[in-house]
Amino acid sequence: MAVQENIDLLPFNTFKIKANARYFTVVTSVREAKDLFKSDVFRQNKSLILGGGSNLLLTKDFDGLVIKNEIKGIDIVDENDDVITLRVGAGENWHEFVMYCVSRDLGGVENLSLIPGTVGAAPMQNIGAYGVEIKEVIHNVEAIELSTGAIHVFNRAECAFGYRESVFKQQLKDRYFISSITLTLTKRNHRFNTSYGAITDVLKEKNVRDLSVKAISDAIIFIRKSKLPDPVLIGNAGSFFKNPSVDPHVFEALKKNFPAIPSFPGENNLIKIPAGWLIEQCGWKGKTLENIGVHKHQALVLVNYGGGDGKKIQQLSRDIQASVEAKFNIKLHAEVNII
């Protein structure tokens, strides 16, 4: 395990922001992680754990140790005729893992196809898309306590999953290094979720009559590619803001002033409003400011067209938040981790 100095982080973040790390290392096993957490370079510096760098906006150089998690492996923990339980290394690419499942007709994560990032980031963020969240298939999360090197296994309840939230982003933030996750997936009698209208429309367009894991995954990939920029081509971190939730009486008041306002059910009897719609109503969709801007097909995505500055993207996000609050009296919260 080598520790490098003064490493450019541009290749390690999907926003493609140029920023230097004072120290940088790659961890490929639990043993390496434990050794690192005992080392002087770790104990004497602040640290930043990176997976795929797909939920990150760098606004300055990082004067500390950046740890890239590349712990790999997919192992069968348990299996019967109906379900299979897999233990997956946190450094595995998330979409490649989904394709592993799709190719074996394993159900449960097909709606989460083409989400960028690594497996370890999935429970931290409780990733979700098209009516499905990772918490629905998570069995447990294995993580290493940074201060002691002890391994802890968190069951689903202990992960305290919420909308794009978990205990690892809240009470236990910066205290654990996720090494693997264990998921239980279906082998037959799959419970498909096509509640989002766009999925049904695409399946009809493609003349899909019999639902399957692959058919739904293919539809999701088609939808995402048509709406979202490829981070390989245009720097971005996917959805920059969370969809806000409001009380039903607040939503009814909004509907009187904005009859076309869309919504869908949220948690705890709240009403969720698409942040992209709110941003678009404020005139931001497709807006370009020099080499950064808001994507022309999805107002929820901020983009770096090349050479963009992280601080300017952060300011753009603040300007968007201010305009949405001024027009709708709704506060948008960033989904992206801003460093």
C-alpha atoms as a PDB file:
ATOM      1  CA  MET A   1       0.000   0.000   0.000  1.00  0.00           C
ATOM      2  CA  ALA A   2       1.773   3.110  -1.266  1.00  0.00           C
ATOM      3  CA  VAL A   3       0.954   6.653  -0.196  1.00  0.00           C
ATOM      4  CA  GLN A   4       1.528   9.220  -2.938  1.00  0.00           C
ATOM      5  CA  GLU A   5       1.886  12.972  -2.567  1.00  0.00           C
ATOM      6  CA  ASN A   6       0.375  15.905  -4.505  1.00  0.00           C
ATOM      7  CA  ILE A   7      -1.979  13.899  -6.703  1.00  0.00           C
ATOM      8  CA  ASP A   8      -4.423  15.556  -9.110  1.00  0.00           C
ATOM      9  CA  LEU A   9      -7.952  14.368  -8.274  1.00  0.00           C
ATOM     10  CA  LEU A  10      -9.462  15.211 -11.676  1.00  0.00           C
ATOM     11  CA  PRO A  11      -9.457  11.533 -12.803  1.00  0.00           C
ATOM     12  CA  PHE A  12     -11.165  10.527  -9.556  1.00  0.00           C
ATOM     13  CA  ASN A  13     -14.279  12.744  -9.627  1.00  0.00           C
ATOM     14  CA  THR A  14     -17.016  12.664 -12.263  1.00  0.00           C
ATOM     15  CA  PHE A  15     -17.446  16.459 -12.134  1.00  0.00           C
ATOM     16  CA  LYS A  16     -13.914  16.506 -13.619  1.00  0.00           C
ATOM     17  CA  ILE A  17     -12.761  19.240 -11.248  1.00  0.00           C
ATOM     18  CA  LYS A  18      -9.027  19.831 -10.983  1.00  0.00           C
ATOM     19  CA  ALA A  19      -7.909  19.764  -7.333  1.00  0.00           C
ATOM     20  CA  ASN A  20      -4.852  18.333  -5.620  1.00  0.00           C
ATOM     21  CA  ALA A  21      -4.677  15.915  -2.707  1.00  0.00           C
ATOM     22  CA  ARG A  22      -1.715  16.321  -0.384  1.00  0.00           C
ATOM     23  CA  TYR A  23      -1.664  12.533   0.113  1.00  0.00           C
ATOM     24  CA  PHE A  24      -3.397   9.785  -1.859  1.00  0.00           C
ATOM     25  CA  THR A  25      -3.626   6.017  -1.451  1.00  0.00           C
ATOM     26  CA  VAL A  26      -5.634   3.068  -2.781  1.00  0.00           C
ATOM     27  CA  VAL A  27      -7.036   0.380  -0.457  1.00  0.00           C
ATOM     28  CA  THR A  28      -7.797  -3.038  -1.975  1.00  0.00           C
ATOM     29  CA  SER A  29      -8.504  -5.171   1.113  1.00  0.00           C
ATOM     30  CA  VAL A  30      -9.780  -5.007   4.674  1.00  0.00           C
ATOM     31  CA  ARG A  31      -6.263  -5.814   5.890  1.00  0.00           C
ATOM     32  CA  GLU A  32      -4.824  -2.837   3.996  1.00  0.00           C
ATOM     33  CA  ALA A  33      -7.555  -0.594   5.374  1.00  0.00           C
ATOM     34  CA  LYS A  34      -6.838  -1.645   8.958  1.00  0.00           C
ATOM     35  CA  ASP A  35      -3.087  -1.085   8.486  1.00  0.00           C
ATOM     36  CA  LEU A  36      -3.745   2.338   6.986  1.00  0.00           C
ATOM     37  CA  PHE A  37      -5.935   3.434   9.888  1.00  0.00           C
ATOM     38  CA  LYS A  38      -3.060   2.641  12.292  1.00  0.00           C
ATOM     39  CA  SER A  39      -0.528   4.630  10.256  1.00  0.00           C
ATOM     40  CA  ASP A  40       0.875   8.073  11.060  1.00  0.00           C
ATOM     41  CA  VAL A  41      -0.191   9.515   7.710  1.00  0.00           C
ATOM     42  CA  PHE A  42      -3.798   8.658   8.554  1.00  0.00           C
ATOM     43  CA  ARG A  43      -3.721   9.693  12.203  1.00  0.00           C
ATOM     44  CA  GLN A  44      -1.938  12.988  11.520  1.00  0.00           C
ATOM     45  CA  ASN A  45      -4.158  14.157   8.650  1.00  0.00           C
ATOM     46  CA  LYS A  46      -7.818  14.694   7.892  1.00  0.00           C
ATOM     47  CA  SER A  47      -9.085  12.136   5.401  1.00  0.00           C
ATOM     48  CA  LEU A  48     -11.525  11.827   2.520  1.00  0.00           C
ATOM     49  CA  ILE A  49     -12.800   8.425   1.391  1.00  0.00           C
ATOM     50  CA  LEU A  50     -13.493   8.109  -2.330  1.00  0.00           C
ATOM     51  CA  GLY A  51     -15.442   5.502  -4.229  1.00  0.00           C
ATOM     52  CA  GLY A  52     -16.293   6.486  -7.776  1.00  0.00           C
ATOM     53  CA  GLY A  53     -16.237  10.207  -6.992  1.00  0.00           C
ATOM     54  CA  SER A  54     -19.700  10.493  -8.543  1.00  0.00           C
ATOM     55  CA  ASN A  55     -21.406  12.311  -5.675  1.00  0.00           C
ATOM     56  CA  LEU A  56     -18.707  14.862  -4.999  1.00  0.00           C
ATOM     57  CA  LEU A  57     -17.986  18.503  -5.797  1.00  0.00           C
ATOM     58  CA  LEU A  58     -14.439  19.636  -5.045  1.00  0.00           C
ATOM     59  CA  THR A  59     -14.133  23.381  -4.442  1.00  0.00           C
ATOM     60  CA  LYS A  60     -10.465  23.468  -3.388  1.00  0.00           C
ATOM     61  CA  ASP A  61      -7.351  21.344  -2.910  1.00  0.00           C
ATOM     62  CA  PHE A  62      -7.622  18.712  -0.183  1.00  0.00           C
ATOM     63  CA  ASP A  63      -4.913  19.244   2.432  1.00  0.00           C
ATOM     64  CA  GLY A  64      -5.035  15.725   3.821  1.00  0.00           C
ATOM     65  CA  LEU A  65      -5.234  12.049   2.851  1.00  0.00           C
ATOM     66  CA  VAL A  66      -7.576  10.855   0.105  1.00  0.00           C
ATOM     67  CA  ILE A  67      -8.345   7.126   0.374  1.00  0.00           C
ATOM     68  CA  LYS A  68      -9.701   5.406  -2.729  1.00  0.00           C
ATOM     69  CA  ASN A  69     -11.737   2.324  -1.862  1.00  0.00           C
ATOM     70  CA  GLU A  70     -11.067  -0.483  -4.356  1.00  0.00           C
ATOM     71  CA  ILE A  71     -12.068  -3.513  -2.277  1.00  0.00           C
ATOM     72  CA  LYS A  72     -13.516  -5.956  -4.817  1.00  0.00           C
ATOM     73  CA  GLY A  73     -15.289  -9.313  -4.872  1.00  0.00           C
ATOM     74  CA  ILE A  74     -18.758 -10.843  -5.238  1.00  0.00           C
ATOM     75  CA  ASP A  75     -19.459 -13.910  -3.109  1.00  0.00           C
ATOM     76  CA  ILE A  76     -22.558 -16.040  -2.499  1.00  0.00           C
ATOM     77  CA  VAL A  77     -23.446 -16.049   1.211  1.00  0.00           C
ATOM     78  CA  ASP A  78     -26.672 -18.058   1.030  1.00  0.00           C
ATOM     79  CA  GLU A  79     -29.017 -19.365  -1.638  1.00  0.00           C
ATOM     80  CA  ASN A  80     -32.218 -21.344  -2.102  1.00  0.00           C
ATOM     81  CA  ASP A  81     -34.694 -21.830  -4.924  1.00  0.00           C
ATOM     82  CA  ASP A  82     -36.264 -18.400  -4.402  1.00  0.00           C
ATOM     83  CA  VAL A  83     -33.563 -15.951  -3.270  1.00  0.00           C
ATOM     84  CA  ILE A  84     -29.802 -15.455  -3.190  1.00  0.00           C
ATOM     85  CA  THR A  85     -27.727 -13.421  -0.757  1.00  0.00           C
ATOM     86  CA  LEU A  86     -24.539 -11.831  -2.101  1.00  0.00           C
ATOM     87  CA  ARG A  87     -21.665 -10.141  -0.304  1.00  0.00           C
ATOM     88  CA  VAL A  88     -20.132  -7.452  -2.521  1.00  0.00           C
ATOM     89  CA  GLY A  89     -16.907  -5.507  -2.042  1.00  0.00           C
ATOM     90  CA  ALA A  90     -17.432  -1.774  -1.551  1.00  0.00           C
ATOM     91  CA  GLY A  91     -15.006  -0.922  -4.356  1.00  0.00           C
ATOM     92  CA  GLU A  92     -16.992  -2.731  -7.049  1.00  0.00           C
ATOM     93  CA  ASN A  93     -18.520  -0.502  -9.713  1.00  0.00           C
ATOM     94  CA  TRP A  94     -22.243  -0.237  -8.970  1.00  0.00           C
ATOM     95  CA  HIS A  95     -23.557  -0.464 -12.537  1.00  0.00           C
ATOM     96  CA  GLU A  96     -21.256  -3.380 -13.332  1.00  0.00           C
ATOM     97  CA  PHE A  97     -22.655  -5.164 -10.275  1.00  0.00           C
ATOM     98  CA  VAL A  98     -26.210  -4.480 -11.488  1.00  0.00           C
ATOM     99  CA  MET A  99     -25.273  -5.945 -14.887  1.00  0.00           C
ATOM    100  CA  TYR A 100     -23.864  -8.997 -13.058  1.00  0.00           C
ATOM    101  CA  CYS A 101     -27.300  -9.443 -11.462  1.00  0.00           C
ATOM    102  CA  VAL A 102     -29.247  -8.780 -14.659  1.00  0.00           C
ATOM    103  CA  SER A 103     -27.186 -11.324 -16.614  1.00  0.00           C
ATOM    104  CA  ARG A 104     -28.108 -13.948 -13.985  1.00  0.00           C
ATOM    105  CA  ASP A 105     -31.791 -12.928 -13.815  1.00  0.00           C
ATOM    106  CA  LEU A 106     -31.456 -11.798 -10.182  1.00  0.00           C
ATOM    107  CA  GLY A 107     -34.174  -9.306  -9.288  1.00  0.00           C
ATOM    108  CA  GLY A 108     -34.164  -6.304  -7.004  1.00  0.00           C
ATOM    109  CA  VAL A 109     -31.648  -3.807  -8.379  1.00  0.00           C
ATOM    110  CA  GLU A 110     -32.655  -3.573 -12.053  1.00  0.00           C
ATOM    111  CA  ASN A 111     -34.327  -0.161 -11.498  1.00  0.00           C
ATOM    112  CA  LEU A 112     -30.976   1.113 -10.222  1.00  0.00           C
ATOM    113  CA  SER A 113     -29.189   0.466 -13.519  1.00  0.00           C
ATOM    114  CA  LEU A 114     -26.655   3.017 -14.792  1.00  0.00           C
ATOM    115  CA  ILE A 115     -26.312   4.878 -11.487  1.00  0.00           C
ATOM    116  CA  PRO A 116     -22.654   5.947 -11.337  1.00  0.00           C
ATOM    117  CA  GLY A 117     -20.417   5.230  -8.368  1.00  0.00           C
ATOM    118  CA  THR A 118     -19.354   2.262  -6.292  1.00  0.00           C
ATOM    119  CA  VAL A 119     -21.153  -0.357  -4.226  1.00  0.00           C
ATOM    120  CA  GLY A 120     -19.912   1.167  -0.975  1.00  0.00           C
ATOM    121  CA  ALA A 121     -21.570   4.485  -1.717  1.00  0.00           C
ATOM    122  CA  ALA A 122     -24.942   2.828  -2.351  1.00  0.00           C
ATOM    123  CA  PRO A 123     -25.991   2.354   1.300  1.00  0.00           C
ATOM    124  CA  MET A 124     -24.335   5.570   2.465  1.00  0.00           C
ATOM    125  CA  GLN A 125     -26.515   7.537   0.064  1.00  0.00           C
ATOM    126  CA  ASN A 126     -29.402   5.042   0.036  1.00  0.00           C
ATOM    127  CA  ILE A 127     -29.345   5.373  -3.728  1.00  0.00           C
ATOM    128  CA  GLY A 128     -32.706   5.269  -5.451  1.00  0.00           C
ATOM    129  CA  ALA A 129     -34.302   5.668  -8.849  1.00  0.00           C
ATOM    130  CA  TYR A 130     -37.596   4.918 -10.592  1.00  0.00           C
ATOM    131  CA  GLY A 131     -39.462   3.801  -7.499  1.00  0.00           C
ATOM    132  CA  VAL A 132     -36.743   1.646  -5.909  1.00  0.00           C
ATOM    133  CA  GLU A 133     -34.183   2.328  -3.158  1.00  0.00           C
ATOM    134  CA  ILE A 134     -31.199   0.198  -2.188  1.00  0.00           C
ATOM    135  CA  LYS A 135     -32.566  -0.185   1.347  1.00  0.00           C
ATOM    136  CA  GLU A 136     -35.201  -2.589  -0.029  1.00  0.00           C
ATOM    137  CA  VAL A 137     -32.598  -5.281  -0.779  1.00  0.00           C
ATOM    138  CA  ILE A 138     -29.849  -4.514   1.758  1.00  0.00           C
ATOM    139  CA  HIS A 139     -29.317  -7.255   4.349  1.00  0.00           C
ATOM    140  CA  ASN A 140     -26.384  -5.653   6.131  1.00  0.00           C
ATOM    141  CA  VAL A 141     -23.409  -3.331   5.754  1.00  0.00           C
ATOM    142  CA  GLU A 142     -19.906  -4.193   6.960  1.00  0.00           C
ATOM    143  CA  ALA A 143     -17.764  -1.224   7.974  1.00  0.00           C
ATOM    144  CA  ILE A 144     -14.452  -0.568   9.712  1.00  0.00           C
ATOM    145  CA  GLU A 145     -14.377   1.926  12.575  1.00  0.00           C
ATOM    146  CA  LEU A 146     -11.681   4.442  11.717  1.00  0.00           C
ATOM    147  CA  SER A 147     -10.610   5.119  15.308  1.00  0.00           C
ATOM    148  CA  THR A 148     -10.202   1.480  16.394  1.00  0.00           C
ATOM    149  CA  GLY A 149      -9.967  -0.652  13.226  1.00  0.00           C
ATOM    150  CA  ALA A 150     -12.803  -2.816  14.563  1.00  0.00           C
ATOM    151  CA  ILE A 151     -15.229  -4.343  12.051  1.00  0.00           C
ATOM    152  CA  HIS A 152     -18.915  -3.665  12.675  1.00  0.00           C
ATOM    153  CA  VAL A 153     -21.848  -5.225  10.834  1.00  0.00           C
ATOM    154  CA  PHE A 154     -24.926  -2.994  10.625  1.00  0.00           C
ATOM    155  CA  ASN A 155     -28.275  -4.599   9.876  1.00  0.00           C
ATOM    156  CA  ARG A 156     -30.879  -2.768   7.808  1.00  0.00           C
ATOM    157  CA  ALA A 157     -32.557  -1.119  10.800  1.00  0.00           C
ATOM    158  CA  GLU A 158     -29.222   0.055  12.210  1.00  0.00           C
ATOM    159  CA  CYS A 159     -28.409   1.739   8.898  1.00  0.00           C
ATOM    160  CA  ALA A 160     -31.309   4.165   9.576  1.00  0.00           C
ATOM    161  CA  PHE A 161     -32.090   4.592   5.892  1.00  0.00           C
ATOM    162  CA  GLY A 162     -34.025   7.641   4.756  1.00  0.00           C
ATOM    163  CA  TYR A 163     -34.425   9.599   1.526  1.00  0.00           C
ATOM    164  CA  ARG A 164     -30.814   9.785   0.242  1.00  0.00           C
ATOM    165  CA  GLU A 165     -29.742   9.366   3.850  1.00  0.00           C
ATOM    166  CA  SER A 166     -28.297   6.778   6.203  1.00  0.00           C
ATOM    167  CA  VAL A 167     -26.620   6.609   9.589  1.00  0.00           C
ATOM    168  CA  PHE A 168     -23.292   6.866   7.738  1.00  0.00           C
ATOM    169  CA  LYS A 169     -24.192  10.362   6.504  1.00  0.00           C
ATOM    170  CA  GLN A 170     -25.665  11.480   9.805  1.00  0.00           C
ATOM    171  CA  GLN A 171     -24.827  10.178  13.311  1.00  0.00           C
ATOM    172  CA  LEU A 172     -21.827   8.135  12.163  1.00  0.00           C
ATOM    173  CA  LYS A 173     -20.518  10.498   9.504  1.00  0.00           C
ATOM    174  CA  ASP A 174     -16.731  10.239   9.004  1.00  0.00           C
ATOM    175  CA  ARG A 175     -16.478   7.464  11.603  1.00  0.00           C
ATOM    176  CA  TYR A 176     -16.635   4.351   9.395  1.00  0.00           C
ATOM    177  CA  PHE A 177     -15.124   2.958   6.205  1.00  0.00           C
ATOM    178  CA  ILE A 178     -17.599   0.714   4.374  1.00  0.00           C
ATOM    179  CA  SER A 179     -15.840  -2.468   3.230  1.00  0.00           C
ATOM    180  CA  SER A 180     -18.739  -4.536   1.842  1.00  0.00           C
ATOM    181  CA  ILE A 181     -22.502  -4.839   1.649  1.00  0.00           C
ATOM    182  CA  THR A 182     -24.734  -7.899   1.676  1.00  0.00           C
ATOM    183  CA  LEU A 183     -27.917  -7.950  -0.426  1.00  0.00           C
ATOM    184  CA  THR A 184     -30.741 -10.432  -0.852  1.00  0.00           C
ATOM    185  CA  LEU A 185     -32.112 -10.714  -4.392  1.00  0.00           C
ATOM    186  CA  THR A 186     -34.876 -12.785  -5.948  1.00  0.00           C
ATOM    187  CA  LYS A 187     -34.196 -15.722  -8.273  1.00  0.00           C
ATOM    188  CA  ARG A 188     -37.824 -16.167  -9.330  1.00  0.00           C
ATOM    189  CA  ASN A 189     -41.239 -14.607  -8.660  1.00  0.00           C
ATOM    190  CA  HIS A 190     -39.653 -11.195  -9.109  1.00  0.00           C
ATOM    191  CA  ARG A 191     -41.561  -8.145  -7.821  1.00  0.00           C
ATOM    192  CA  PHE A 192     -41.154  -5.672 -10.665  1.00  0.00           C
ATOM    193  CA  ASN A 193     -41.650  -1.952 -10.087  1.00  0.00           C
ATOM    194  CA  THR A 194     -42.916  -0.082 -13.141  1.00  0.00           C
ATOM    195  CA  SER A 195     -44.729   2.615 -11.155  1.00  0.00           C
ATOM    196  CA  TYR A 196     -42.901   5.413 -12.967  1.00  0.00           C
ATOM    197  CA  GLY A 197     -44.806   6.138 -16.156  1.00  0.00           C
ATOM    198  CA  ALA A 198     -41.709   6.501 -18.294  1.00  0.00           C
ATOM    199  CA  ILE A 199     -40.838   2.822 -17.714  1.00  0.00           C
ATOM    200  CA  THR A 200     -44.243   1.656 -18.928  1.00  0.00           C
ATOM    201  CA  ASP A 201     -44.033   3.949 -21.963  1.00  0.00           C
ATOM    202  CA  VAL A 202     -40.618   2.651 -23.000  1.00  0.00           C
ATOM    203  CA  LEU A 203     -41.665  -0.972 -22.527  1.00  0.00           C
ATOM    204  CA  LYS A 204     -44.661  -0.330 -24.802  1.00  0.00           C
ATOM    205  CA  GLU A 205     -42.470   1.393 -27.398  1.00  0.00           C
ATOM    206  CA  LYS A 206     -40.158  -1.612 -27.406  1.00  0.00           C
ATOM    207  CA  ASN A 207     -43.112  -4.032 -27.604  1.00  0.00           C
ATOM    208  CA  VAL A 208     -42.160  -5.786 -24.382  1.00  0.00           C
ATOM    209  CA  ARG A 209     -45.091  -7.976 -23.373  1.00  0.00           C
ATOM    210  CA  ASP A 210     -43.468 -10.183 -20.735  1.00  0.00           C
ATOM    211  CA  LEU A 211     -41.738  -8.321 -17.935  1.00  0.00           C
ATOM    212  CA  SER A 212     -38.239  -9.487 -17.025  1.00  0.00           C
ATOM    213  CA  VAL A 213     -35.257  -8.225 -15.047  1.00  0.00           C
ATOM    214  CA  LYS A 214     -33.411  -7.489 -18.293  1.00  0.00           C
ATOM    215  CA  ALA A 215     -36.354  -5.744 -19.969  1.00  0.00           C
ATOM    216  CA  ILE A 216     -36.753  -3.328 -17.061  1.00  0.00           C
ATOM    217  CA  SER A 217     -33.009  -2.729 -16.814  1.00  0.00           C
ATOM    218  CA  ASP A 218     -32.850  -2.012 -20.560  1.00  0.00           C
ATOM    219  CA  ALA A 219     -35.751   0.441 -20.234  1.00  0.00           C
ATOM    220  CA  ILE A 220     -34.089   2.253 -17.323  1.00  0.00           C
ATOM    221  CA  ILE A 221     -30.809   2.524 -19.215  1.00  0.00           C
ATOM    222  CA  PHE A 222     -32.649   3.905 -22.256  1.00  0.00           C
ATOM    223  CA  ILE A 223     -34.439   6.522 -20.134  1.00  0.00           C
ATOM    224  CA  ARG A 224     -31.323   7.603 -18.251  1.00  0.00           C
ATOM    225  CA  LYS A 225     -29.252   7.911 -21.419  1.00  0.00           C
ATOM    226  CA  SER A 226     -31.946  10.046 -23.047  1.00  0.00           C
ATOM    227  CA  LYS A 227     -32.209  12.444 -20.091  1.00  0.00           C
ATOM    228  CA  LEU A 228     -28.865  12.524 -18.307  1.00  0.00           C
ATOM    229  CA  PRO A 229     -25.393  13.495 -19.531  1.00  0.00           C
ATOM    230  CA  ASP A 230     -22.708  10.819 -19.637  1.00  0.00           C
ATOM    231  CA  PRO A 231     -20.072  11.858 -17.046  1.00  0.00           C
ATOM    232  CA  VAL A 232     -17.388  10.451 -19.365  1.00  0.00           C
ATOM    233  CA  LEU A 233     -18.329  13.148 -21.886  1.00  0.00           C
ATOM    234  CA  ILE A 234     -19.638  15.988 -19.673  1.00  0.00           C
ATOM    235  CA  GLY A 235     -18.543  16.479 -16.081  1.00  0.00           C
ATOM    236  CA  ASN A 236     -21.430  16.074 -13.641  1.00  0.00           C
ATOM    237  CA  ALA A 237     -22.492  14.299 -10.459  1.00  0.00           C
ATOM    238  CA  GLY A 238     -26.000  13.326 -11.496  1.00  0.00           C
ATOM    239  CA  SER A 239     -28.845  14.850  -9.501  1.00  0.00           C
ATOM    240  CA  PHE A 240     -27.370  17.782  -7.595  1.00  0.00           C
ATOM    241  CA  PHE A 241     -30.404  18.416  -5.358  1.00  0.00           C
ATOM    242  CA  LYS A 242     -32.806  16.237  -3.412  1.00  0.00           C
ATOM    243  CA  ASN A 243     -36.509  16.355  -4.240  1.00  0.00           C
ATOM    244  CA  PRO A 244     -38.102  18.432  -1.461  1.00  0.00           C
ATOM    245  CA  SER A 245     -41.028  17.163   0.621  1.00  0.00           C
ATOM    246  CA  VAL A 246     -43.808  19.375   2.001  1.00  0.00           C
ATOM    247  CA  ASP A 247     -46.894  18.999   4.172  1.00  0.00           C
ATOM    248  CA  PRO A 248     -50.128  18.321   2.255  1.00  0.00           C
ATOM    249  CA  HIS A 249     -51.607  21.701   3.244  1.00  0.00           C
ATOM    250  CA  VAL A 250     -48.485  23.464   1.929  1.00  0.00           C
ATOM    251  CA  PHE A 251     -48.781  21.551  -1.324  1.00  0.00           C
ATOM    252  CA  GLU A 252     -52.456  22.517  -1.692  1.00  0.00           C
ATOM    253  CA  ALA A 253     -51.502  26.175  -1.282  1.00  0.00           C
ATOM    254  CA  LEU A 254     -48.775  25.803  -3.914  1.00  0.00           C
ATOM    255  CA  LYS A 255     -51.220  24.113  -6.279  1.00  0.00           C
ATOM    256  CA  LYS A 256     -53.533  27.130  -6.135  1.00  0.00           C
ATOM    257  CA  ASN A 257     -50.734  29.358  -7.399  1.00  0.00           C
ATOM    258  CA  PHE A 258     -49.081  26.768  -9.658  1.00  0.00           C
ATOM    259  CA  PRO A 259     -51.800  24.384 -10.935  1.00  0.00           C
ATOM    260  CA  ALA A 260     -49.358  22.349 -13.049  1.00  0.00           C
ATOM    261  CA  ILE A 261     -47.019  21.543 -10.153  1.00  0.00           C
ATOM    262  CA  PRO A 262     -46.233  17.798 -10.226  1.00  0.00           C
ATOM    263  CA  SER A 263     -45.958  15.605  -7.143  1.00  0.00           C
ATOM    264  CA  PHE A 264     -45.711  12.069  -5.834  1.00  0.00           C
ATOM    265  CA  PRO A 265     -46.114  10.492  -2.397  1.00  0.00           C
ATOM    266  CA  GLY A 266     -43.239  10.957   0.027  1.00  0.00           C
ATOM    267  CA  GLU A 267     -42.387   9.433   3.380  1.00  0.00           C
ATOM    268  CA  ASN A 268     -44.368  10.173   6.563  1.00  0.00           C
ATOM    269  CA  ASN A 269     -47.450  11.334   4.604  1.00  0.00           C
ATOM    270  CA  LEU A 270     -45.515  14.190   3.010  1.00  0.00           C
ATOM    271  CA  ILE A 271     -45.824  15.258  -0.622  1.00  0.00           C
ATOM    272  CA  LYS A 272     -42.644  15.121  -2.703  1.00  0.00           C
ATOM    273  CA  ILE A 273     -42.113  17.691  -5.460  1.00  0.00           C
ATOM    274  CA  PRO A 274     -39.602  17.134  -8.307  1.00  0.00           C
ATOM    275  CA  ALA A 275     -36.725  19.559  -7.742  1.00  0.00           C
ATOM    276  CA  GLY A 276     -36.000  19.571 -11.474  1.00  0.00           C
ATOM    277  CA  TRP A 277     -39.444  21.027 -12.187  1.00  0.00           C
ATOM    278  CA  LEU A 278     -38.973  23.784  -9.606  1.00  0.00           C
ATOM    279  CA  ILE A 279     -35.569  24.684 -11.053  1.00  0.00           C
ATOM    280  CA  GLU A 280     -36.934  24.675 -14.595  1.00  0.00           C
ATOM    281  CA  GLN A 281     -39.779  27.037 -13.617  1.00  0.00           C
ATOM    282  CA  CYS A 282     -37.132  29.481 -12.395  1.00  0.00           C
ATOM    283  CA  GLY A 283     -35.556  29.557 -15.857  1.00  0.00           C
ATOM    284  CA  TRP A 284     -32.375  27.616 -15.141  1.00  0.00           C
ATOM    285  CA  LYS A 285     -32.758  24.650 -17.477  1.00  0.00           C
ATOM    286  CA  GLY A 286     -30.101  24.789 -20.210  1.00  0.00           C
ATOM    287  CA  LYS A 287     -28.501  27.936 -18.804  1.00  0.00           C
ATOM    288  CA  THR A 288     -24.759  28.185 -19.504  1.00  0.00           C
ATOM    289  CA  LEU A 289     -22.319  30.353 -17.568  1.00  0.00           C
ATOM    290  CA  GLU A 290     -18.975  30.236 -19.378  1.00  0.00           C
ATOM    291  CA  ASN A 291     -17.849  26.590 -19.005  1.00  0.00           C
ATOM    292  CA  ILE A 292     -20.433  25.439 -16.429  1.00  0.00           C
ATOM    293  CA  GLY A 293     -24.200  25.343 -16.406  1.00  0.00           C
ATOM    294  CA  VAL A 294     -27.485  23.457 -15.997  1.00  0.00           C
ATOM    295  CA  HIS A 295     -28.091  20.533 -18.327  1.00  0.00           C
ATOM    296  CA  LYS A 296     -30.425  21.188 -21.244  1.00  0.00           C
ATOM    297  CA  HIS A 297     -32.432  17.980 -20.754  1.00  0.00           C
ATOM    298  CA  GLN A 298     -32.525  17.750 -16.952  1.00  0.00           C
ATOM    299  CA  ALA A 299     -32.507  20.851 -14.741  1.00  0.00           C
ATOM    300  CA  LEU A 300     -31.553  18.748 -11.718  1.00  0.00           C
ATOM    301  CA  VAL A 301     -28.065  18.187 -13.158  1.00  0.00           C
ATOM    302  CA  LEU A 302     -25.317  20.819 -12.967  1.00  0.00           C
ATOM    303  CA  VAL A 303     -22.525  20.330 -15.493  1.00  0.00           C
ATOM    304  CA  ASN A 304     -18.892  21.151 -16.122  1.00  0.00           C
ATOM    305  CA  TYR A 305     -18.279  21.504 -19.863  1.00  0.00           C
ATOM    306  CA  GLY A 306     -14.510  21.478 -19.334  1.00  0.00           C
ATOM    307  CA  GLY A 307     -12.131  23.369 -17.069  1.00  0.00           C
ATOM    308  CA  GLY A 308     -14.952  24.416 -14.751  1.00  0.00           C
ATOM    309  CA  ASP A 309     -14.225  25.678 -11.263  1.00  0.00           C
ATOM    310  CA  GLY A 310     -15.787  23.894  -8.281  1.00  0.00           C
ATOM    311  CA  LYS A 311     -16.413  27.146  -6.395  1.00  0.00           C
ATOM    312  CA  LYS A 312     -18.318  28.569  -9.377  1.00  0.00           C
ATOM    313  CA  ILE A 313     -20.482  25.435  -9.556  1.00  0.00           C
ATOM    314  CA  GLN A 314     -21.137  25.759  -5.829  1.00  0.00           C
ATOM    315  CA  GLN A 315     -22.170  29.397  -6.339  1.00  0.00           C
ATOM    316  CA  LEU A 316     -24.446  28.355  -9.209  1.00  0.00           C
ATOM    317  CA  SER A 317     -26.117  25.856  -6.886  1.00  0.00           C
ATOM    318  CA  ARG A 318     -26.625  28.583  -4.275  1.00  0.00           C
ATOM    319  CA  ASP A 319     -28.148  30.920  -6.873  1.00  0.00           C
ATOM    320  CA  ILE A 320     -30.546  28.162  -7.925  1.00  0.00           C
ATOM    321  CA  GLN A 321     -31.513  27.506  -4.300  1.00  0.00           C
ATOM    322  CA  ALA A 322     -32.168  31.214  -3.732  1.00  0.00           C
ATOM    323  CA  SER A 323     -34.369  31.572  -6.815  1.00  0.00           C
ATOM    324  CA  VAL A 324     -36.444  28.481  -5.969  1.00  0.00           C
ATOM    325  CA  GLU A 325     -36.959  29.694  -2.412  1.00  0.00           C
ATOM    326  CA  ALA A 326     -37.940  33.151  -3.643  1.00  0.00           C
ATOM    327  CA  LYS A 327     -40.504  31.791  -6.115  1.00  0.00           C
ATOM    328  CA  PHE A 328     -41.930  28.806  -4.212  1.00  0.00           C
ATOM    329  CA  ASN A 329     -40.794  29.312  -0.595  1.00  0.00           C
ATOM    330  CA  ILE A 330     -39.166  25.870  -0.791  1.00  0.00           C
ATOM    331  CA  LYS A 331     -35.605  25.166   0.298  1.00  0.00           C
ATOM    332  CA  LEU A 332     -33.605  22.831  -1.910  1.00  0.00           C
ATOM    333  CA  HIS A 333     -30.886  20.739  -0.276  1.00  0.00           C
ATOM    334  CA  ALA A 334     -27.819  19.458  -2.089  1.00  0.00           C
ATOM    335  CA  GLU A 335     -27.564  15.717  -2.630  1.00  0.00           C
ATOM    336  CA  VAL A 336     -23.942  16.097  -3.689  1.00  0.00           C
ATOM    337  CA  ASN A 337     -21.175  16.136  -1.062  1.00  0.00           C
ATOM    338  CA  ILE A 338     -19.397  19.502  -1.325  1.00  0.00           C
ATOM    339  CA  ILE A 339     -15.761  19.568  -0.181  1.00  0.00           C
END
